Amino acid sequence: MATHAVVNQAPPRVDVDEYATNTALLEGVERYDAGWAHHQLHLTGQRVGAASFHSDAVAANRVEPVLQTHDRYGNRIDEVEYDESYHRIIGAAIADGAHTSAWAEPRPGANVARAATFMLYAQVEPGHACPVSMTHAVVPVLQQHPDVGEEWLPRVYSRSYDGRLRADKPGALFGMAMTEKHGGSDVRANTTAARPLGGGRYALTGHKWFCSAPMSDAFLVLAQAPGGLSCFLLPRLVDGERNAIRIQRLKDKLGNRANASSEVEYEDAVGILVGEEGRGVRTIIDMVARTRLDCIYGTTAGMRQATAEAAWHARHRAAFGRTLIDQPAMTAVIADLQLETEAATATALRLARAHDEDATASDRAFARLATAVAKYWICKRGPGHAYEALECLGGNGYTEAFPLAMRYREQPVMAVWEGSGNVIALDVLRALGREPEALAAFDAEVALAAGTHPLFDAHLERVRSLVRDVTADPAPEARARGLVSAMALALQASLLLRTAPSIVADAFVATRLGDRPFGGALYGDLPAGTDAGAIAARA
């Protein structure tokens, strides 16, 4: 005799084209000159939407990386073992160019297509995106220093992936190690020492508190040379032998479980000087800037997953005689989650286009400031957004059987990586003081929407007033967060007013810029007259 029947449960959200179902992403790819990539992005969307890919994503986060410091004979090997599911995921992402396609094949919209590819993969499994991002981000450093980059760039551009430690494989992944236990973001306090060996080689000795993706083939590292803090390329293999990079332990992290993050010791590890001694921060800063951009993409991908899963559940679950999506309170929540996702998507793709090779000088100046502004705001919005989407699934959302528990743990890392909130806000302050052309470009971009909505016009004037007041303040640091938040909302609202359907743009402005009690802090509080059903349908 049957004890129960399974009814009123949503089916698994698998075997869908994640690109075709992401209306905001598809529209943005077309808008920013990457329509030529539609076919490949549909193939990627189908790949990451497949049930088998979702199964691999679950396995990669449950069968976590394991550190093997020695082989069975006692030889030091310092290797991290990953489940085969992880290798399948990152191998597919590399094959689709989620790492360096925009560098290897530059053209108008190349960074837009690459951003979309990266986001589609990170939407389903975010852990692998760390080494993918760092490999993308190292390219400008290698390009600027061809004496070092000539050997590595062909391997970085390769779409071949091999997770084994081998000297003869065609592809290579990069990592980065800057922070130390006593310094954190204050990298100039680093104590790792670099002793000259001659011929551009140095012996590095010291400890790094965070080294993500320690199985990468090479790393950019900061260390103190005789001439000051300098940047070095540290390969895993030197002359065919293992470099003296000792993995001490793997971090036990809140989220990002599929990706190994580690502490490492260098015991006279051989590094190659990149740039000049004493200019380490200046050398590595381009890599940092690009990884910050990918933090925006990663958070946006997480928002898309959260919104899509919540909307899927609401469409298939019924309560009190109606499906949840037809309950006005739930419709409002799904619509509001979609507003946040659309704003992040629009910002991410606009920034991607500003990073293309054919970008104007004004676009490049805009990108330098807007990337930091968006990194601060979008990444901070991620955790709260994930929580609200999780709640839409009720008790199911709080279990590990559904993907939003993983996503809730994942989103905070994007706000921490490559500069937490205060670091980014202070970077914005410095940019405002040192780069007037960046502020002018940012203001010009945002002002393109002037006159389209009275609430936006009022907010734009408030932002301009804040910029004047804060930059004139002799102690502006305490006001930095408020300024950056206001700038970010101005940018998002401007982009949506210019590019999104009016139902989306008007609702975003009304909920985020108006004088409503919660100002967009809590989801689902939409003003009367909002077409929540039409907005939710875009999810």
Protein backbone atom coordinates (compact mmCIF):
# COMPACT_ATOMS: atom_id res chain seq x y z
CA MET A 1 0.00 0.00 0.00
CA ALA A 2 1.49 3.33 -1.08
CA THR A 3 2.26 5.64 1.83
CA HIS A 4 2.43 8.80 -0.22
CA ALA A 5 2.45 10.22 -3.71
CA VAL A 6 4.78 13.01 -4.85
CA VAL A 7 2.63 15.87 -6.09
CA ASN A 8 2.91 19.65 -6.27
CA GLN A 9 6.71 19.60 -6.55
CA ALA A 10 8.61 21.42 -9.29
CA PRO A 11 10.48 19.18 -11.73
CA PRO A 12 14.26 19.59 -11.94
CA ARG A 13 15.27 22.70 -13.86
CA VAL A 14 17.53 20.89 -16.33
CA ASP A 15 17.87 20.33 -20.08
CA VAL A 16 17.16 23.95 -20.91
CA ASP A 17 19.11 26.42 -23.03
CA GLU A 18 20.38 28.77 -20.32
CA TYR A 19 21.24 31.38 -22.91
CA ALA A 20 17.91 31.35 -24.70
CA THR A 21 16.00 31.60 -21.41
CA ASN A 22 18.09 34.55 -20.15
CA THR A 23 16.31 37.38 -21.93
CA ALA A 24 18.39 40.19 -20.47
CA LEU A 25 21.67 38.48 -21.37
CA LEU A 26 20.59 37.66 -24.90
CA GLU A 27 19.40 41.21 -25.52
CA GLY A 28 22.61 42.67 -24.08
CA VAL A 29 24.85 40.48 -26.24
CA GLU A 30 23.02 41.76 -29.32
CA ARG A 31 23.09 45.38 -28.10
CA TYR A 32 26.82 45.43 -27.48
CA ASP A 33 27.96 44.14 -30.87
CA ALA A 34 28.37 40.45 -30.06
CA GLY A 35 25.43 39.11 -32.04
CA TRP A 36 27.94 37.12 -34.06
CA ALA A 37 28.35 34.91 -30.97
CA HIS A 38 24.67 33.95 -30.62
CA HIS A 39 25.06 30.48 -32.14
CA GLN A 40 28.00 29.50 -29.96
CA LEU A 41 26.33 30.95 -26.86
CA HIS A 42 23.22 28.87 -27.53
CA LEU A 43 25.44 25.77 -27.70
CA THR A 44 27.06 26.80 -24.42
CA GLY A 45 23.65 27.47 -22.90
CA GLN A 46 22.50 24.00 -23.85
CA ARG A 47 25.69 22.45 -22.49
CA VAL A 48 25.51 24.09 -19.06
CA GLY A 49 21.75 23.53 -18.89
CA ALA A 50 22.07 19.78 -19.44
CA ALA A 51 21.20 17.41 -16.61
CA SER A 52 24.68 15.87 -16.83
CA PHE A 53 26.36 19.26 -16.33
CA HIS A 54 24.16 19.98 -13.32
CA SER A 55 25.11 16.59 -11.88
CA ASP A 56 28.78 17.43 -12.34
CA ALA A 57 28.22 20.78 -10.60
CA VAL A 58 26.72 19.02 -7.60
CA ALA A 59 29.53 16.46 -7.47
CA ALA A 60 32.29 19.07 -7.80
CA ASN A 61 30.97 20.88 -4.73
CA ARG A 62 30.40 17.73 -2.66
CA VAL A 63 33.51 15.74 -3.53
CA GLU A 64 35.88 18.46 -2.46
CA PRO A 65 39.55 18.87 -3.44
CA VAL A 66 42.04 16.91 -1.35
CA LEU A 67 45.64 17.94 -0.66
CA GLN A 68 48.36 15.35 -1.20
CA THR A 69 51.62 16.72 0.15
CA HIS A 70 53.61 13.50 -0.46
CA ASP A 71 53.37 10.44 -2.63
CA ARG A 72 53.24 6.96 -1.12
CA TYR A 73 57.04 6.75 -1.12
CA GLY A 74 57.48 9.95 0.87
CA ASN A 75 58.42 12.25 -2.01
CA ARG A 76 57.10 15.79 -1.73
CA ILE A 77 54.55 16.37 -4.53
CA ASP A 78 52.24 19.21 -3.30
CA GLU A 79 49.28 18.30 -5.47
CA VAL A 80 45.56 18.79 -5.10
CA GLU A 81 43.22 16.05 -6.29
CA TYR A 82 39.89 17.07 -7.77
CA ASP A 83 36.89 14.97 -8.64
CA GLU A 84 36.58 14.16 -12.33
CA SER A 85 33.40 16.26 -12.41
CA TYR A 86 35.48 19.37 -11.77
CA HIS A 87 37.85 18.53 -14.61
CA ARG A 88 34.92 18.03 -16.99
CA ILE A 89 33.45 21.39 -16.05
CA ILE A 90 36.61 23.46 -16.32
CA GLY A 91 37.65 21.59 -19.46
CA ALA A 92 34.37 22.55 -21.13
CA ALA A 93 34.72 26.18 -20.03
CA ILE A 94 38.26 26.39 -21.42
CA ALA A 95 37.17 24.73 -24.67
CA ASP A 96 34.45 27.37 -25.06
CA GLY A 97 36.90 30.21 -24.47
CA ALA A 98 35.55 31.36 -21.11
CA HIS A 99 39.11 32.24 -20.15
CA THR A 100 40.97 34.10 -22.93
CA SER A 101 38.86 34.10 -26.10
CA ALA A 102 38.55 37.89 -26.07
CA TRP A 103 42.36 38.23 -26.01
CA ALA A 104 43.09 35.48 -28.51
CA GLU A 105 40.46 36.60 -31.05
CA PRO A 106 39.86 40.34 -30.53
CA ARG A 107 37.01 42.01 -32.41
CA PRO A 108 34.12 44.35 -31.54
CA GLY A 109 32.08 42.65 -28.84
CA ALA A 110 34.73 40.02 -28.06
CA ASN A 111 34.72 40.80 -24.34
CA VAL A 112 30.91 40.78 -24.35
CA ALA A 113 30.83 37.28 -25.84
CA ARG A 114 33.52 36.14 -23.40
CA ALA A 115 31.61 37.65 -20.46
CA ALA A 116 28.43 35.86 -21.51
CA THR A 117 30.30 32.55 -21.83
CA PHE A 118 31.94 33.03 -18.43
CA MET A 119 28.59 33.89 -16.81
CA LEU A 120 26.79 30.91 -18.32
CA TYR A 121 29.34 28.51 -16.85
CA ALA A 122 29.57 30.31 -13.49
CA GLN A 123 25.77 30.33 -13.24
CA VAL A 124 25.73 26.57 -12.74
CA GLU A 125 29.14 25.87 -11.15
CA PRO A 126 31.03 28.85 -9.74
CA GLY A 127 34.11 27.25 -8.17
CA HIS A 128 35.94 26.51 -11.43
CA ALA A 129 35.58 30.16 -12.45
CA CYS A 130 38.45 31.24 -10.17
CA PRO A 131 41.33 29.83 -12.25
CA VAL A 132 39.43 30.65 -15.44
CA SER A 133 39.21 34.28 -14.33
CA MET A 134 42.84 34.54 -13.23
CA THR A 135 44.03 33.06 -16.52
CA HIS A 136 42.01 35.71 -18.37
CA ALA A 137 43.31 38.44 -16.09
CA VAL A 138 47.01 37.64 -16.41
CA VAL A 139 47.06 38.34 -20.16
CA PRO A 140 47.54 42.15 -20.05
CA VAL A 141 50.51 41.70 -17.70
CA LEU A 142 52.10 39.13 -20.00
CA GLN A 143 51.41 41.29 -23.04
CA GLN A 144 53.13 44.29 -21.49
CA HIS A 145 56.20 42.21 -20.65
CA PRO A 146 56.93 40.12 -23.75
CA ASP A 147 60.28 38.97 -22.40
CA VAL A 148 58.25 36.83 -20.00
CA GLY A 149 54.96 36.61 -21.84
CA GLU A 150 56.28 35.26 -25.13
CA GLU A 151 56.71 31.82 -23.65
CA TRP A 152 53.38 31.74 -21.81
CA LEU A 153 50.83 33.57 -23.96
CA PRO A 154 50.33 30.79 -26.57
CA ARG A 155 49.60 28.35 -23.75
CA VAL A 156 47.27 30.80 -22.01
CA TYR A 157 45.36 31.36 -25.27
CA SER A 158 45.02 27.61 -25.84
CA ARG A 159 41.61 25.99 -25.45
CA SER A 160 43.17 22.74 -24.37
CA TYR A 161 42.84 21.71 -20.73
CA ASP A 162 44.91 19.11 -18.90
CA GLY A 163 44.68 19.04 -15.13
CA ARG A 164 47.92 17.11 -14.72
CA LEU A 165 51.26 18.73 -13.86
CA ARG A 166 53.16 18.36 -17.13
CA ALA A 167 55.67 20.49 -18.98
CA ASP A 168 54.57 19.43 -22.46
CA LYS A 169 50.86 20.23 -22.35
CA PRO A 170 49.71 22.96 -24.78
CA GLY A 171 47.47 24.87 -22.37
CA ALA A 172 48.23 26.58 -19.08
CA LEU A 173 46.24 28.12 -16.25
CA PHE A 174 47.43 30.94 -14.01
CA GLY A 175 46.89 31.82 -10.38
CA MET A 176 47.90 34.72 -8.17
CA ALA A 177 49.35 35.05 -4.65
CA MET A 178 49.61 38.44 -3.00
CA THR A 179 48.22 38.44 0.54
CA GLU A 180 50.14 37.37 3.62
CA LYS A 181 48.82 36.51 7.08
CA HIS A 182 49.93 39.75 8.71
CA GLY A 183 49.05 42.15 5.90
CA GLY A 184 45.94 41.13 4.00
CA SER A 185 45.07 43.95 1.61
CA ASP A 186 48.15 45.88 2.69
CA VAL A 187 50.39 44.03 0.25
CA ARG A 188 53.22 46.55 0.68
CA ALA A 189 53.71 45.02 4.12
CA ASN A 190 54.62 41.68 2.53
CA THR A 191 57.71 39.96 3.89
CA THR A 192 58.27 37.24 1.29
CA ALA A 193 61.87 37.79 0.15
CA ALA A 194 63.25 37.54 -3.38
CA ARG A 195 66.98 36.90 -3.70
CA PRO A 196 68.57 37.58 -7.14
CA LEU A 197 70.02 34.54 -8.86
CA GLY A 198 71.01 36.24 -12.11
CA GLY A 199 69.44 36.18 -15.56
CA GLY A 200 66.16 37.57 -14.28
CA ARG A 201 65.66 34.68 -11.86
CA TYR A 202 65.12 35.07 -8.14
CA ALA A 203 64.79 32.67 -5.21
CA LEU A 204 61.59 33.39 -3.26
CA THR A 205 61.24 32.50 0.41
CA GLY A 206 58.13 33.25 2.44
CA HIS A 207 54.50 32.44 3.13
CA LYS A 208 51.27 33.36 1.31
CA TRP A 209 48.04 33.31 3.31
CA PHE A 210 45.79 32.87 0.26
CA CYS A 211 46.72 31.16 -2.98
CA SER A 212 43.64 30.06 -4.88
CA ALA A 213 43.77 27.31 -7.48
CA PRO A 214 47.19 26.00 -6.34
CA MET A 215 47.21 23.44 -9.15
CA SER A 216 47.60 26.22 -11.72
CA ASP A 217 50.64 25.98 -13.97
CA ALA A 218 52.07 29.35 -12.92
CA PHE A 219 51.34 32.27 -10.60
CA LEU A 220 51.98 35.97 -10.37
CA VAL A 221 53.44 36.65 -6.92
CA LEU A 222 54.52 39.74 -4.98
CA ALA A 223 57.78 39.61 -3.00
CA GLN A 224 60.39 41.98 -1.61
CA ALA A 225 63.41 42.23 -3.93
CA PRO A 226 66.45 44.41 -3.14
CA GLY A 227 64.75 47.25 -5.02
CA GLY A 228 61.44 46.91 -3.20
CA LEU A 229 58.14 45.07 -3.66
CA SER A 230 58.24 43.38 -7.05
CA CYS A 231 56.18 41.05 -9.23
CA PHE A 232 57.36 37.58 -10.18
CA LEU A 233 56.11 34.78 -12.39
CA LEU A 234 56.37 31.58 -10.37
CA PRO A 235 56.01 28.41 -12.49
CA ARG A 236 55.07 25.08 -10.97
CA LEU A 237 57.80 23.42 -13.00
CA VAL A 238 61.32 24.81 -13.47
CA ASP A 239 63.56 23.07 -15.99
CA GLY A 240 61.20 20.11 -15.85
CA GLU A 241 61.38 19.76 -12.05
CA ARG A 242 58.85 20.75 -9.38
CA ASN A 243 59.40 24.25 -8.08
CA ALA A 244 59.75 24.65 -4.31
CA ILE A 245 56.12 25.70 -3.78
CA ARG A 246 54.91 23.91 -0.65
CA ILE A 247 51.15 23.72 -0.14
CA GLN A 248 50.65 23.85 3.63
CA ARG A 249 46.91 23.33 3.81
CA LEU A 250 43.64 23.96 1.97
CA LYS A 251 41.30 26.58 3.37
CA ASP A 252 38.04 25.33 4.88
CA LYS A 253 35.79 27.93 3.27
CA LEU A 254 32.17 28.97 3.71
CA GLY A 255 31.52 28.41 0.03
CA ASN A 256 33.45 28.04 -3.23
CA ARG A 257 33.99 24.44 -2.19
CA ALA A 258 34.82 23.08 -5.65
CA ASN A 259 37.80 25.42 -5.88
CA ALA A 260 40.87 24.75 -3.74
CA SER A 261 42.28 27.77 -1.90
CA SER A 262 45.49 27.25 -0.01
CA GLU A 263 48.32 28.54 2.10
CA VAL A 264 51.73 28.08 0.53
CA GLU A 265 55.36 28.29 1.59
CA TYR A 266 58.15 29.18 -0.80
CA GLU A 267 61.52 27.57 0.01
CA ASP A 268 63.86 29.24 -2.48
CA ALA A 269 61.20 28.81 -5.14
CA VAL A 270 62.41 30.09 -8.50
CA GLY A 271 60.56 33.14 -9.81
CA ILE A 272 61.11 35.28 -12.89
CA LEU A 273 61.00 39.05 -12.46
CA VAL A 274 58.09 40.70 -14.32
CA GLY A 275 58.68 44.40 -14.89
CA GLU A 276 61.07 46.36 -12.72
CA GLU A 277 62.09 45.85 -9.11
CA GLY A 278 60.05 48.02 -6.78
CA ARG A 279 57.09 48.29 -9.18
CA GLY A 280 55.30 45.11 -8.19
CA VAL A 281 51.93 46.66 -7.44
CA ARG A 282 51.99 48.68 -10.64
CA THR A 283 52.85 45.55 -12.61
CA ILE A 284 50.18 43.27 -11.15
CA ILE A 285 47.41 45.89 -10.95
CA ASP A 286 46.07 45.08 -14.42
CA MET A 287 45.52 41.50 -13.34
CA VAL A 288 43.72 42.70 -10.22
CA ALA A 289 41.49 45.02 -12.27
CA ARG A 290 40.43 42.23 -14.61
CA THR A 291 39.66 39.83 -11.77
CA ARG A 292 37.52 42.54 -10.18
CA LEU A 293 35.56 42.73 -13.40
CA ASP A 294 35.06 38.97 -13.31
CA CYS A 295 33.76 39.28 -9.74
CA ILE A 296 30.97 41.39 -11.24
CA TYR A 297 30.31 38.71 -13.84
CA GLY A 298 30.36 35.98 -11.21
CA THR A 299 27.88 37.75 -8.95
CA THR A 300 25.63 38.49 -11.91
CA ALA A 301 25.74 34.82 -12.90
CA GLY A 302 24.72 33.90 -9.37
CA MET A 303 21.85 36.36 -9.45
CA ARG A 304 20.64 34.80 -12.67
CA GLN A 305 20.75 31.29 -11.20
CA ALA A 306 18.94 32.43 -8.06
CA THR A 307 16.22 34.27 -9.96
CA ALA A 308 15.72 31.50 -12.50
CA GLU A 309 15.43 28.80 -9.84
CA ALA A 310 12.99 30.89 -7.79
CA ALA A 311 10.86 31.64 -10.84
CA TRP A 312 10.89 28.00 -11.91
CA HIS A 313 9.70 26.88 -8.48
CA ALA A 314 6.99 29.55 -8.40
CA ARG A 315 5.70 28.49 -11.81
CA HIS A 316 5.35 24.83 -10.78
CA ARG A 317 4.26 25.03 -7.16
CA ALA A 318 0.67 25.73 -6.09
CA ALA A 319 -0.76 27.00 -2.81
CA PHE A 320 -4.23 28.17 -1.82
CA GLY A 321 -5.69 27.25 -5.20
CA ARG A 322 -3.17 29.03 -7.47
CA THR A 323 0.39 28.56 -8.64
CA LEU A 324 2.81 30.66 -6.62
CA ILE A 325 3.73 32.84 -9.57
CA ASP A 326 0.07 33.91 -9.80
CA GLN A 327 0.01 34.94 -6.14
CA PRO A 328 0.55 38.75 -6.19
CA ALA A 329 2.99 38.74 -3.27
CA MET A 330 5.19 36.10 -4.93
CA THR A 331 4.90 37.75 -8.33
CA ALA A 332 6.26 40.94 -6.79
CA VAL A 333 9.23 39.13 -5.23
CA ILE A 334 10.18 37.33 -8.46
CA ALA A 335 9.83 40.58 -10.40
CA ASP A 336 12.03 42.44 -7.93
CA LEU A 337 14.69 39.72 -8.04
CA GLN A 338 14.61 40.04 -11.83
CA LEU A 339 15.05 43.81 -11.60
CA GLU A 340 18.27 43.30 -9.64
CA THR A 341 19.47 40.69 -12.10
CA GLU A 342 18.70 42.88 -15.11
CA ALA A 343 20.54 45.84 -13.60
CA ALA A 344 23.61 43.71 -12.89
CA THR A 345 23.50 42.16 -16.37
CA ALA A 346 23.21 45.52 -18.10
CA THR A 347 26.14 46.87 -16.09
CA ALA A 348 28.32 43.82 -16.65
CA LEU A 349 27.86 43.83 -20.41
CA ARG A 350 28.37 47.59 -20.75
CA LEU A 351 31.63 47.24 -18.87
CA ALA A 352 32.63 44.28 -21.03
CA ARG A 353 32.16 46.34 -24.19
CA ALA A 354 34.26 49.14 -22.70
CA HIS A 355 37.13 46.66 -22.34
CA ASP A 356 37.24 45.70 -26.02
CA GLU A 357 40.25 46.60 -28.15
CA ASP A 358 38.26 49.16 -30.16
CA ALA A 359 37.01 50.99 -27.06
CA THR A 360 37.42 54.76 -27.20
CA ALA A 361 39.64 56.68 -24.80
CA SER A 362 36.49 57.89 -23.07
CA ASP A 363 35.20 54.33 -22.70
CA ARG A 364 38.49 53.21 -21.20
CA ALA A 365 38.41 56.06 -18.70
CA PHE A 366 34.80 55.22 -17.88
CA ALA A 367 35.69 51.56 -17.37
CA ARG A 368 38.50 52.33 -14.92
CA LEU A 369 36.11 54.06 -12.51
CA ALA A 370 32.90 52.18 -13.28
CA THR A 371 34.48 48.75 -12.75
CA ALA A 372 35.36 49.61 -9.16
CA VAL A 373 31.97 51.24 -8.54
CA ALA A 374 30.10 48.24 -9.94
CA LYS A 375 32.32 45.71 -8.18
CA TYR A 376 31.49 47.33 -4.85
CA TRP A 377 27.73 47.53 -5.36
CA ILE A 378 26.81 44.45 -7.39
CA CYS A 379 28.93 42.08 -5.31
CA LYS A 380 27.42 43.44 -2.10
CA ARG A 381 23.90 42.94 -3.45
CA GLY A 382 24.59 39.28 -4.23
CA PRO A 383 24.17 37.62 -0.80
CA GLY A 384 20.86 39.31 0.05
CA HIS A 385 19.54 38.52 -3.40
CA ALA A 386 20.49 34.85 -3.02
CA TYR A 387 18.77 34.66 0.36
CA GLU A 388 15.50 36.09 -0.99
CA ALA A 389 15.50 33.66 -3.89
CA LEU A 390 16.24 30.78 -1.51
CA GLU A 391 13.23 31.75 0.60
CA CYS A 392 11.00 31.49 -2.47
CA LEU A 393 11.65 27.74 -2.41
CA GLY A 394 10.65 27.50 1.25
CA GLY A 395 12.13 24.57 3.11
CA ASN A 396 13.45 23.05 -0.13
CA GLY A 397 15.66 26.09 -0.64
CA TYR A 398 17.33 25.54 2.73
CA THR A 399 18.40 22.00 1.85
CA GLU A 400 21.53 20.93 -0.02
CA ALA A 401 19.35 18.98 -2.48
CA PHE A 402 18.56 22.25 -4.26
CA PRO A 403 21.18 24.61 -5.75
CA LEU A 404 20.34 27.81 -3.88
CA ALA A 405 21.93 26.72 -0.61
CA MET A 406 25.22 26.45 -2.51
CA ARG A 407 24.59 29.81 -4.16
CA TYR A 408 23.83 31.51 -0.85
CA ARG A 409 27.24 30.40 0.46
CA GLU A 410 28.91 31.35 -2.79
CA GLN A 411 27.84 34.95 -3.27
CA PRO A 412 29.78 36.56 -0.38
CA VAL A 413 33.15 35.54 -1.82
CA MET A 414 32.74 37.89 -4.77
CA ALA A 415 32.56 40.86 -2.42
CA VAL A 416 35.67 39.68 -0.56
CA TRP A 417 37.90 38.65 -3.46
CA GLU A 418 40.15 41.26 -5.07
CA GLY A 419 39.28 43.98 -2.59
CA SER A 420 36.51 43.96 -0.01
CA GLY A 421 34.08 46.83 0.36
CA ASN A 422 36.27 49.37 2.11
CA VAL A 423 39.24 48.70 -0.17
CA ILE A 424 37.12 49.23 -3.28
CA ALA A 425 35.39 52.34 -1.90
CA LEU A 426 38.76 53.89 -1.04
CA ASP A 427 40.04 53.01 -4.53
CA VAL A 428 37.10 54.95 -5.95
CA LEU A 429 38.02 57.94 -3.80
CA ARG A 430 41.59 57.81 -5.05
CA ALA A 431 40.42 57.58 -8.66
CA LEU A 432 38.16 60.61 -8.20
CA GLY A 433 41.12 62.59 -6.93
CA ARG A 434 43.74 61.40 -9.40
CA GLU A 435 41.80 60.81 -12.61
CA PRO A 436 39.44 63.68 -13.42
CA GLU A 437 39.03 62.25 -16.92
CA ALA A 438 37.54 59.06 -15.42
CA LEU A 439 34.98 61.02 -13.45
CA ALA A 440 34.13 63.08 -16.53
CA ALA A 441 33.64 59.91 -18.58
CA PHE A 442 31.52 58.30 -15.87
CA ASP A 443 29.35 61.40 -15.55
CA ALA A 444 28.94 61.63 -19.33
CA GLU A 445 27.85 57.99 -19.51
CA VAL A 446 25.31 58.30 -16.72
CA ALA A 447 23.99 61.63 -18.03
CA LEU A 448 22.92 59.99 -21.28
CA ALA A 449 19.66 59.15 -19.50
CA ALA A 450 19.08 62.69 -18.20
CA GLY A 451 15.58 63.96 -18.88
CA THR A 452 13.98 60.51 -19.15
CA HIS A 453 12.68 60.25 -15.58
CA PRO A 454 12.32 62.88 -12.84
CA LEU A 455 13.49 60.52 -10.07
CA PHE A 456 16.61 59.75 -12.06
CA ASP A 457 17.31 63.43 -12.70
CA ALA A 458 17.04 64.15 -8.99
CA HIS A 459 19.35 61.26 -8.16
CA LEU A 460 21.90 62.37 -10.75
CA GLU A 461 22.07 65.81 -9.17
CA ARG A 462 22.44 64.20 -5.75
CA VAL A 463 25.37 62.13 -7.00
CA ARG A 464 27.09 65.15 -8.48
CA SER A 465 26.63 67.03 -5.22
CA LEU A 466 27.98 64.08 -3.24
CA VAL A 467 31.06 63.88 -5.45
CA ARG A 468 31.80 67.57 -4.88
CA ASP A 469 31.19 67.37 -1.12
CA VAL A 470 33.05 64.12 -0.45
CA THR A 471 36.10 64.95 -2.56
CA ALA A 472 36.35 68.34 -0.84
CA ASP A 473 36.09 66.75 2.61
CA PRO A 474 39.53 66.56 4.28
CA ALA A 475 38.51 63.20 5.81
CA PRO A 476 36.26 61.61 3.16
CA GLU A 477 36.79 57.95 4.00
CA ALA A 478 33.76 57.57 6.26
CA ARG A 479 31.49 58.81 3.44
CA ALA A 480 33.03 56.71 0.70
CA ARG A 481 30.54 53.84 0.86
CA GLY A 482 27.52 56.10 0.53
CA LEU A 483 29.05 57.88 -2.43
CA VAL A 484 29.95 54.69 -4.27
CA SER A 485 26.49 53.22 -3.67
CA ALA A 486 24.84 56.32 -5.09
CA MET A 487 27.15 56.27 -8.13
CA ALA A 488 26.39 52.60 -8.77
CA LEU A 489 22.64 53.12 -8.65
CA ALA A 490 22.94 56.09 -10.99
CA LEU A 491 24.85 53.95 -13.49
CA GLN A 492 22.42 51.03 -13.30
CA ALA A 493 19.37 53.26 -13.59
CA SER A 494 20.89 55.12 -16.54
CA LEU A 495 21.65 51.89 -18.38
CA LEU A 496 18.18 50.45 -17.81
CA LEU A 497 16.43 53.68 -18.80
CA ARG A 498 18.37 53.65 -22.07
CA THR A 499 18.35 49.95 -22.92
CA ALA A 500 15.71 47.96 -21.03
CA PRO A 501 11.95 47.76 -21.62
CA SER A 502 10.14 50.61 -19.88
CA ILE A 503 8.40 48.21 -17.48
CA VAL A 504 11.83 47.21 -16.15
CA ALA A 505 13.47 50.63 -16.16
CA ASP A 506 10.56 52.46 -14.55
CA ALA A 507 10.17 49.86 -11.80
CA PHE A 508 13.90 49.89 -11.05
CA VAL A 509 13.97 53.67 -10.75
CA ALA A 510 10.82 53.75 -8.63
CA THR A 511 12.10 51.13 -6.18
CA ARG A 512 15.79 52.07 -5.99
CA LEU A 513 15.87 55.84 -6.42
CA GLY A 514 12.63 57.07 -4.94
CA ASP A 515 11.71 57.97 -1.38
CA ARG A 516 10.10 54.62 -0.64
CA PRO A 517 10.63 53.32 2.93
CA PHE A 518 13.06 50.51 2.12
CA GLY A 519 14.68 51.87 -1.03
CA GLY A 520 15.07 48.47 -2.67
CA ALA A 521 16.70 46.94 0.43
CA LEU A 522 13.91 44.37 0.78
CA TYR A 523 12.59 42.57 -2.28
CA GLY A 524 8.94 42.48 -3.28
CA ASP A 525 7.92 45.99 -2.17
CA LEU A 526 6.87 47.33 -5.56
CA PRO A 527 4.92 50.57 -6.08
CA ALA A 528 1.32 50.43 -7.24
CA GLY A 529 0.99 50.17 -10.99
CA THR A 530 4.14 48.08 -11.52
CA ASP A 531 3.58 45.37 -14.14
CA ALA A 532 5.11 42.69 -11.94
CA GLY A 533 3.79 39.86 -14.09
CA ALA A 534 5.52 41.13 -17.22
CA ILE A 535 8.80 41.66 -15.37
CA ALA A 536 8.61 38.22 -13.74
CA ALA A 537 7.99 36.66 -17.16
CA ARG A 538 11.47 37.86 -18.20
CA ALA A 539 12.91 35.64 -15.47
